[in-house]
Amino acid sequence: MSLVHLSHVCSHLQNASRARLGLTSVPATKQILSLMLGLQDQGFVSSVTRGSISGPDPEYVPTTQENVSTRRLWLGLKYFDNEPVLSKMRMVSRPKQRVWMSVEGMREVAKGKDYEYVKGLQPGECLFVSTDRGVYELREAIERRVGGQLLCRVK
């Protein structure tokens, strides 16, 4: 999975929430799907559904070689007191500078302390990690004792 596509998704979600959109779509890849499901688990988006360019599918449509280019993930964005729940989403790893971290380093970041050149987590902030077992939120990766590549921070 290219980090370029993931950075486009980050900026798209940030812009969509600032524009007060209720529903938006992003490309459907395995890594983006697992990241969006993580965002839903953490309460940043209300729904994640598969669909096509025209909108969410009312019933399940399998992805095939013929329709793979038109498949999208449709996300329901959340708002609280007329403010977007997802206010900031930034990449930590970049295509030219990937950031890998061990469990010990992730523990320091989760405590709010800076580790190497990664800032500590602030209250209400999440950090997503790509591991060999999938995409996890930072605290879940620490709990499972797996390190990996830091993807993005969400506030």
C-alpha atoms as a PDB file:
ATOM      1  CA  MET A   1       0.000   0.000   0.000  1.00  0.00           C
ATOM      2  CA  SER A   2       1.332   3.339  -0.975  1.00  0.00           C
ATOM      3  CA  LEU A   3       1.618   5.981   1.715  1.00  0.00           C
ATOM      4  CA  VAL A   4       0.811   8.562  -0.951  1.00  0.00           C
ATOM      5  CA  HIS A   5      -2.771   7.249  -1.168  1.00  0.00           C
ATOM      6  CA  LEU A   6      -3.012   7.211   2.615  1.00  0.00           C
ATOM      7  CA  SER A   7      -1.852  10.825   2.852  1.00  0.00           C
ATOM      8  CA  HIS A   8      -4.502  11.799   0.284  1.00  0.00           C
ATOM      9  CA  VAL A   9      -7.115  10.063   2.455  1.00  0.00           C
ATOM     10  CA  CYS A  10      -5.891  11.946   5.546  1.00  0.00           C
ATOM     11  CA  SER A  11      -6.162  15.340   3.871  1.00  0.00           C
ATOM     12  CA  HIS A  12      -9.500  14.415   2.257  1.00  0.00           C
ATOM     13  CA  LEU A  13     -11.065  13.454   5.612  1.00  0.00           C
ATOM     14  CA  GLN A  14      -9.733  16.581   7.280  1.00  0.00           C
ATOM     15  CA  ASN A  15     -11.137  18.781   4.490  1.00  0.00           C
ATOM     16  CA  ALA A  16     -14.470  16.907   4.399  1.00  0.00           C
ATOM     17  CA  SER A  17     -14.979  17.356   8.143  1.00  0.00           C
ATOM     18  CA  ARG A  18     -14.118  21.066   7.915  1.00  0.00           C
ATOM     19  CA  ALA A  19     -16.639  21.414   5.069  1.00  0.00           C
ATOM     20  CA  ARG A  20     -19.281  19.778   7.322  1.00  0.00           C
ATOM     21  CA  LEU A  21     -19.996  16.891   4.926  1.00  0.00           C
ATOM     22  CA  GLY A  22     -22.148  14.106   6.312  1.00  0.00           C
ATOM     23  CA  LEU A  23     -20.942  11.415   3.920  1.00  0.00           C
ATOM     24  CA  THR A  24     -17.729  11.131   1.931  1.00  0.00           C
ATOM     25  CA  SER A  25     -15.872   8.425   0.023  1.00  0.00           C
ATOM     26  CA  VAL A  26     -12.265   7.212  -0.076  1.00  0.00           C
ATOM     27  CA  PRO A  27     -10.564   4.539  -2.222  1.00  0.00           C
ATOM     28  CA  ALA A  28     -11.247   0.950  -1.157  1.00  0.00           C
ATOM     29  CA  THR A  29      -8.001  -0.822  -0.265  1.00  0.00           C
ATOM     30  CA  LYS A  30      -7.343  -3.310   2.521  1.00  0.00           C
ATOM     31  CA  GLN A  31      -5.127  -0.942   4.508  1.00  0.00           C
ATOM     32  CA  ILE A  32      -7.485   2.023   4.181  1.00  0.00           C
ATOM     33  CA  LEU A  33     -10.427  -0.236   5.164  1.00  0.00           C
ATOM     34  CA  SER A  34      -8.668  -1.416   8.319  1.00  0.00           C
ATOM     35  CA  LEU A  35      -7.673   2.172   9.181  1.00  0.00           C
ATOM     36  CA  MET A  36     -11.248   3.403   8.680  1.00  0.00           C
ATOM     37  CA  LEU A  37     -12.598   0.573  10.851  1.00  0.00           C
ATOM     38  CA  GLY A  38     -10.080   1.644  13.502  1.00  0.00           C
ATOM     39  CA  LEU A  39     -11.358   5.225  13.224  1.00  0.00           C
ATOM     40  CA  GLN A  40     -14.879   3.912  13.665  1.00  0.00           C
ATOM     41  CA  ASP A  41     -13.857   1.892  16.753  1.00  0.00           C
ATOM     42  CA  GLN A  42     -12.254   5.004  18.260  1.00  0.00           C
ATOM     43  CA  GLY A  43     -15.388   7.087  17.549  1.00  0.00           C
ATOM     44  CA  PHE A  44     -14.067   9.446  14.879  1.00  0.00           C
ATOM     45  CA  VAL A  45     -16.440   8.271  12.093  1.00  0.00           C
ATOM     46  CA  SER A  46     -19.980   6.983  12.485  1.00  0.00           C
ATOM     47  CA  SER A  47     -20.150   4.426   9.673  1.00  0.00           C
ATOM     48  CA  VAL A  48     -17.992   2.620   7.114  1.00  0.00           C
ATOM     49  CA  THR A  49     -19.737   0.999   4.143  1.00  0.00           C
ATOM     50  CA  ARG A  50     -18.577  -0.315   0.793  1.00  0.00           C
ATOM     51  CA  GLY A  51     -19.934   1.152  -2.399  1.00  0.00           C
ATOM     52  CA  SER A  52     -19.202   2.419  -5.859  1.00  0.00           C
ATOM     53  CA  ILE A  53     -18.520   5.864  -7.251  1.00  0.00           C
ATOM     54  CA  SER A  54     -22.254   6.634  -7.282  1.00  0.00           C
ATOM     55  CA  GLY A  55     -22.840   5.843  -3.586  1.00  0.00           C
ATOM     56  CA  PRO A  56     -23.008   3.149  -0.916  1.00  0.00           C
ATOM     57  CA  ASP A  57     -24.282  -0.270  -1.998  1.00  0.00           C
ATOM     58  CA  PRO A  58     -27.747  -1.194  -0.660  1.00  0.00           C
ATOM     59  CA  GLU A  59     -26.693  -4.860  -0.706  1.00  0.00           C
ATOM     60  CA  TYR A  60     -23.351  -6.683  -0.861  1.00  0.00           C
ATOM     61  CA  VAL A  61     -21.518  -6.500  -4.201  1.00  0.00           C
ATOM     62  CA  PRO A  62     -18.304  -8.560  -4.420  1.00  0.00           C
ATOM     63  CA  THR A  63     -15.148  -6.904  -5.717  1.00  0.00           C
ATOM     64  CA  THR A  64     -13.985  -8.412  -9.001  1.00  0.00           C
ATOM     65  CA  GLN A  65     -11.339  -7.576 -11.582  1.00  0.00           C
ATOM     66  CA  GLU A  66     -13.986  -5.780 -13.660  1.00  0.00           C
ATOM     67  CA  ASN A  67     -15.209  -3.421 -10.907  1.00  0.00           C
ATOM     68  CA  VAL A  68     -12.123  -3.003  -8.706  1.00  0.00           C
ATOM     69  CA  SER A  69     -11.373   0.489 -10.030  1.00  0.00           C
ATOM     70  CA  THR A  70     -14.837   1.802  -9.119  1.00  0.00           C
ATOM     71  CA  ARG A  71     -15.004   0.457  -5.546  1.00  0.00           C
ATOM     72  CA  ARG A  72     -15.059   3.066  -2.765  1.00  0.00           C
ATOM     73  CA  LEU A  73     -15.478   3.175   1.005  1.00  0.00           C
ATOM     74  CA  TRP A  74     -18.251   5.514   2.133  1.00  0.00           C
ATOM     75  CA  LEU A  75     -17.740   7.128   5.546  1.00  0.00           C
ATOM     76  CA  GLY A  76     -20.270   8.852   7.751  1.00  0.00           C
ATOM     77  CA  LEU A  77     -18.565  11.754   9.542  1.00  0.00           C
ATOM     78  CA  LYS A  78     -19.447  12.693  13.123  1.00  0.00           C
ATOM     79  CA  TYR A  79     -20.072  16.103  14.670  1.00  0.00           C
ATOM     80  CA  PHE A  80     -20.518  17.124  18.323  1.00  0.00           C
ATOM     81  CA  ASP A  81     -21.867  20.566  19.289  1.00  0.00           C
ATOM     82  CA  ASN A  82     -21.631  21.581  15.628  1.00  0.00           C
ATOM     83  CA  GLU A  83     -17.864  20.857  15.617  1.00  0.00           C
ATOM     84  CA  PRO A  84     -16.240  17.967  13.723  1.00  0.00           C
ATOM     85  CA  VAL A  85     -15.119  15.059  15.911  1.00  0.00           C
ATOM     86  CA  LEU A  86     -12.221  14.452  13.495  1.00  0.00           C
ATOM     87  CA  SER A  87     -10.525  17.835  13.488  1.00  0.00           C
ATOM     88  CA  LYS A  88      -6.976  16.914  12.484  1.00  0.00           C
ATOM     89  CA  MET A  89      -5.483  13.900  10.705  1.00  0.00           C
ATOM     90  CA  ARG A  90      -1.771  13.917   9.835  1.00  0.00           C
ATOM     91  CA  MET A  91       0.700  11.390   8.525  1.00  0.00           C
ATOM     92  CA  VAL A  92       3.641  10.369  10.735  1.00  0.00           C
ATOM     93  CA  SER A  93       5.425   8.196   8.169  1.00  0.00           C
ATOM     94  CA  ARG A  94       5.950   9.786   4.807  1.00  0.00           C
ATOM     95  CA  PRO A  95       6.745   8.090   1.481  1.00  0.00           C
ATOM     96  CA  LYS A  96      10.410   9.166   1.685  1.00  0.00           C
ATOM     97  CA  GLN A  97      10.731   8.896   5.482  1.00  0.00           C
ATOM     98  CA  ARG A  98       9.035   5.921   7.062  1.00  0.00           C
ATOM     99  CA  VAL A  99       8.937   5.808  10.849  1.00  0.00           C
ATOM    100  CA  TRP A 100       9.241   2.401  12.512  1.00  0.00           C
ATOM    101  CA  MET A 101       8.946   1.942  16.256  1.00  0.00           C
ATOM    102  CA  SER A 102       9.374  -0.848  18.777  1.00  0.00           C
ATOM    103  CA  VAL A 103       6.978  -1.574  21.632  1.00  0.00           C
ATOM    104  CA  GLU A 104       9.251   0.257  24.101  1.00  0.00           C
ATOM    105  CA  GLY A 105       9.180   3.418  21.996  1.00  0.00           C
ATOM    106  CA  MET A 106       5.413   3.168  21.572  1.00  0.00           C
ATOM    107  CA  ARG A 107       5.016   2.945  25.368  1.00  0.00           C
ATOM    108  CA  GLU A 108       6.878   6.252  25.758  1.00  0.00           C
ATOM    109  CA  VAL A 109       4.747   7.937  23.078  1.00  0.00           C
ATOM    110  CA  ALA A 110       1.548   6.597  24.689  1.00  0.00           C
ATOM    111  CA  LYS A 111       2.617   8.115  28.023  1.00  0.00           C
ATOM    112  CA  GLY A 112       2.809  11.508  26.324  1.00  0.00           C
ATOM    113  CA  LYS A 113       6.601  11.639  26.162  1.00  0.00           C
ATOM    114  CA  ASP A 114       8.562  12.392  23.010  1.00  0.00           C
ATOM    115  CA  TYR A 115      10.532   9.446  21.616  1.00  0.00           C
ATOM    116  CA  GLU A 116      13.223  10.121  19.021  1.00  0.00           C
ATOM    117  CA  TYR A 117      11.433  12.625  16.743  1.00  0.00           C
ATOM    118  CA  VAL A 118       7.840  11.476  17.395  1.00  0.00           C
ATOM    119  CA  LYS A 119       5.829  13.722  19.709  1.00  0.00           C
ATOM    120  CA  GLY A 120       3.945  12.156  22.613  1.00  0.00           C
ATOM    121  CA  LEU A 121       0.204  11.591  22.433  1.00  0.00           C
ATOM    122  CA  GLN A 122      -2.069  14.313  23.774  1.00  0.00           C
ATOM    123  CA  PRO A 123      -5.441  13.583  25.440  1.00  0.00           C
ATOM    124  CA  GLY A 124      -8.070  12.700  22.833  1.00  0.00           C
ATOM    125  CA  GLU A 125      -5.472  11.822  20.202  1.00  0.00           C
ATOM    126  CA  CYS A 126      -4.962   8.453  18.500  1.00  0.00           C
ATOM    127  CA  LEU A 127      -1.998   7.069  16.597  1.00  0.00           C
ATOM    128  CA  PHE A 128      -2.397   4.207  14.140  1.00  0.00           C
ATOM    129  CA  VAL A 129       0.333   1.613  13.574  1.00  0.00           C
ATOM    130  CA  SER A 130       0.714  -0.784  10.643  1.00  0.00           C
ATOM    131  CA  THR A 131       2.041  -4.142  11.869  1.00  0.00           C
ATOM    132  CA  ASP A 132       2.495  -7.508  10.248  1.00  0.00           C
ATOM    133  CA  ARG A 133      -0.815  -8.507  11.878  1.00  0.00           C
ATOM    134  CA  GLY A 134      -2.807  -5.531  10.573  1.00  0.00           C
ATOM    135  CA  VAL A 135      -3.475  -1.897  11.449  1.00  0.00           C
ATOM    136  CA  TYR A 136      -3.896  -1.194  15.172  1.00  0.00           C
ATOM    137  CA  GLU A 137      -4.338   1.838  17.362  1.00  0.00           C
ATOM    138  CA  LEU A 138      -1.168   2.543  19.380  1.00  0.00           C
ATOM    139  CA  ARG A 139      -2.497   1.288  22.721  1.00  0.00           C
ATOM    140  CA  GLU A 140      -3.807  -1.906  21.130  1.00  0.00           C
ATOM    141  CA  ALA A 141      -0.414  -2.545  19.475  1.00  0.00           C
ATOM    142  CA  ILE A 142       1.290  -2.105  22.861  1.00  0.00           C
ATOM    143  CA  GLU A 143      -1.201  -4.498  24.449  1.00  0.00           C
ATOM    144  CA  ARG A 144      -0.475  -7.105  21.758  1.00  0.00           C
ATOM    145  CA  ARG A 145       3.279  -6.377  22.035  1.00  0.00           C
ATOM    146  CA  VAL A 146       3.878  -5.693  18.343  1.00  0.00           C
ATOM    147  CA  GLY A 147       5.882  -2.848  16.855  1.00  0.00           C
ATOM    148  CA  GLY A 148       5.483  -1.474  13.376  1.00  0.00           C
ATOM    149  CA  GLN A 149       5.276   1.498  11.077  1.00  0.00           C
ATOM    150  CA  LEU A 150       3.534   4.590  12.444  1.00  0.00           C
ATOM    151  CA  LEU A 151       0.882   5.673   9.942  1.00  0.00           C
ATOM    152  CA  CYS A 152      -1.117   8.682  11.096  1.00  0.00           C
ATOM    153  CA  ARG A 153      -2.248  10.725  14.095  1.00  0.00           C
ATOM    154  CA  VAL A 154      -5.886  11.647  14.560  1.00  0.00           C
ATOM    155  CA  LYS A 155      -7.249  14.360  16.819  1.00  0.00           C
END
